[in-house]
Amino acid sequence: MLIDFTSIPVTTIPNMRGGEKEFRVHTYTDDMCRIMRGTLIPGASIGLHTHDTNSEIIYILRGAGTLICDGVREPVAVGSCHYCPKGHAHTFINDGDEDLEFFAVVPEQ
């Protein structure tokens, strides 16, 4: 199955999970998984949240930023892959000078 993110309308979410600025995302969802291509503009963030019922994988496509998982800061850049296991908490911050684009997969369980 091919997912063409260019054909999926962008959704703009202000202050995602209590974060700063806005999160722009193209999302494909079915009963098993949520697959996203997202953008955080400079200074934007996704607030701290816990993955109580699922996990998340984030792969950085463009830009740089910081992920904080269970209190541990992880700098990320193009090619970085972050994994937040079920039961753990993370937050995502674009503290760089350009848009931070990423691919994320959240299996629904």
Protein backbone atom coordinates (compact mmCIF):
# COMPACT_ATOMS: atom_id res chain seq x y z
CA MET A 1 0.00 0.00 0.00
CA LEU A 2 1.32 3.43 -0.94
CA ILE A 3 0.51 6.43 1.26
CA ASP A 4 0.80 9.71 -0.65
CA PHE A 5 1.09 12.39 2.03
CA THR A 6 0.87 15.11 -0.65
CA SER A 7 -2.72 14.06 -1.29
CA ILE A 8 -3.69 14.15 2.41
CA PRO A 9 -4.75 17.63 3.60
CA VAL A 10 -2.58 19.23 6.24
CA THR A 11 -4.07 19.73 9.70
CA THR A 12 -2.70 22.57 11.83
CA ILE A 13 -2.93 21.93 15.57
CA PRO A 14 -2.13 24.87 17.86
CA ASN A 15 -0.34 24.07 21.13
CA MET A 16 -0.30 20.29 20.54
CA ARG A 17 -0.59 18.54 23.91
CA GLY A 18 0.23 21.83 25.67
CA GLY A 19 3.25 22.58 23.48
CA GLU A 20 4.30 25.87 21.94
CA LYS A 21 3.17 27.35 18.62
CA GLU A 22 1.68 24.92 16.08
CA PHE A 23 2.09 21.42 14.71
CA ARG A 24 1.34 20.81 11.03
CA VAL A 25 0.58 17.21 10.09
CA HIS A 26 -0.60 14.98 7.26
CA THR A 27 -2.14 11.88 8.89
CA TYR A 28 -3.15 8.48 7.57
CA THR A 29 -5.15 6.40 10.06
CA ASP A 30 -6.73 2.97 10.01
CA ASP A 31 -7.78 0.52 12.75
CA MET A 32 -4.19 -0.65 13.28
CA CYS A 33 -1.95 2.39 12.96
CA ARG A 34 -1.59 6.16 12.70
CA ILE A 35 1.10 7.27 10.26
CA MET A 36 2.09 10.93 10.12
CA ARG A 37 4.34 13.33 8.26
CA GLY A 38 4.67 16.29 10.59
CA THR A 39 6.33 19.69 10.75
CA LEU A 40 7.30 21.79 13.75
CA ILE A 41 8.28 25.36 12.88
CA PRO A 42 11.21 26.91 14.79
CA GLY A 43 10.24 27.36 18.44
CA ALA A 44 7.31 24.93 18.21
CA SER A 45 6.92 21.86 20.39
CA ILE A 46 4.64 18.94 21.17
CA GLY A 47 3.99 18.91 24.90
CA LEU A 48 4.92 16.16 27.31
CA HIS A 49 2.61 13.15 27.01
CA THR A 50 2.62 9.50 28.02
CA HIS A 51 1.98 6.64 25.60
CA ASP A 52 -0.30 4.63 27.90
CA THR A 53 -1.75 2.31 25.25
CA ASN A 54 0.73 2.47 22.36
CA SER A 55 4.27 3.34 21.36
CA GLU A 56 5.68 5.85 18.85
CA ILE A 57 8.53 5.84 16.37
CA ILE A 58 9.78 9.19 15.01
CA TYR A 59 12.25 9.48 12.10
CA ILE A 60 13.75 12.91 11.36
CA LEU A 61 13.56 13.94 7.69
CA ARG A 62 14.75 17.58 7.89
CA GLY A 63 16.01 19.98 10.52
CA ALA A 64 17.14 19.39 14.09
CA GLY A 65 15.65 19.54 17.55
CA THR A 66 15.38 17.87 20.92
CA LEU A 67 13.31 14.95 22.17
CA ILE A 68 13.00 14.43 25.91
CA CYS A 69 12.01 10.87 26.81
CA ASP A 70 11.48 9.99 30.48
CA GLY A 71 13.47 13.10 31.39
CA VAL A 72 16.48 12.25 29.18
CA ARG A 73 17.32 14.86 26.52
CA GLU A 74 18.12 13.45 23.09
CA PRO A 75 19.33 15.79 20.33
CA VAL A 76 17.92 14.71 16.96
CA ALA A 77 18.80 15.59 13.37
CA VAL A 78 18.29 14.20 9.88
CA GLY A 79 18.46 10.41 10.03
CA SER A 80 17.80 10.13 13.77
CA CYS A 81 15.16 7.64 14.86
CA HIS A 82 13.48 8.03 18.26
CA TYR A 83 11.42 5.29 19.91
CA CYS A 84 9.03 5.98 22.80
CA PRO A 85 7.85 2.61 24.18
CA LYS A 86 4.39 1.98 25.60
CA GLY A 87 4.15 3.35 29.13
CA HIS A 88 6.81 6.04 28.62
CA ALA A 89 6.55 9.82 28.22
CA HIS A 90 8.16 12.22 25.78
CA THR A 91 8.09 15.76 24.42
CA PHE A 92 9.42 17.05 21.10
CA ILE A 93 10.96 20.53 20.59
CA ASN A 94 12.15 22.34 17.49
CA ASP A 95 14.95 24.40 19.01
CA GLY A 96 16.64 24.78 15.62
CA ASP A 97 16.55 27.55 13.02
CA GLU A 98 14.54 25.75 10.31
CA ASP A 99 11.39 23.65 10.04
CA LEU A 100 11.72 20.22 11.65
CA GLU A 101 10.06 17.60 9.47
CA PHE A 102 9.54 14.04 10.60
CA PHE A 103 7.78 10.78 9.91
CA ALA A 104 5.97 9.15 12.86
CA VAL A 105 4.23 5.82 13.36
CA VAL A 106 1.88 5.11 16.26
CA PRO A 107 0.56 1.53 16.29
CA GLU A 108 -2.97 1.40 17.73
CA GLN A 109 -3.42 -1.48 20.17
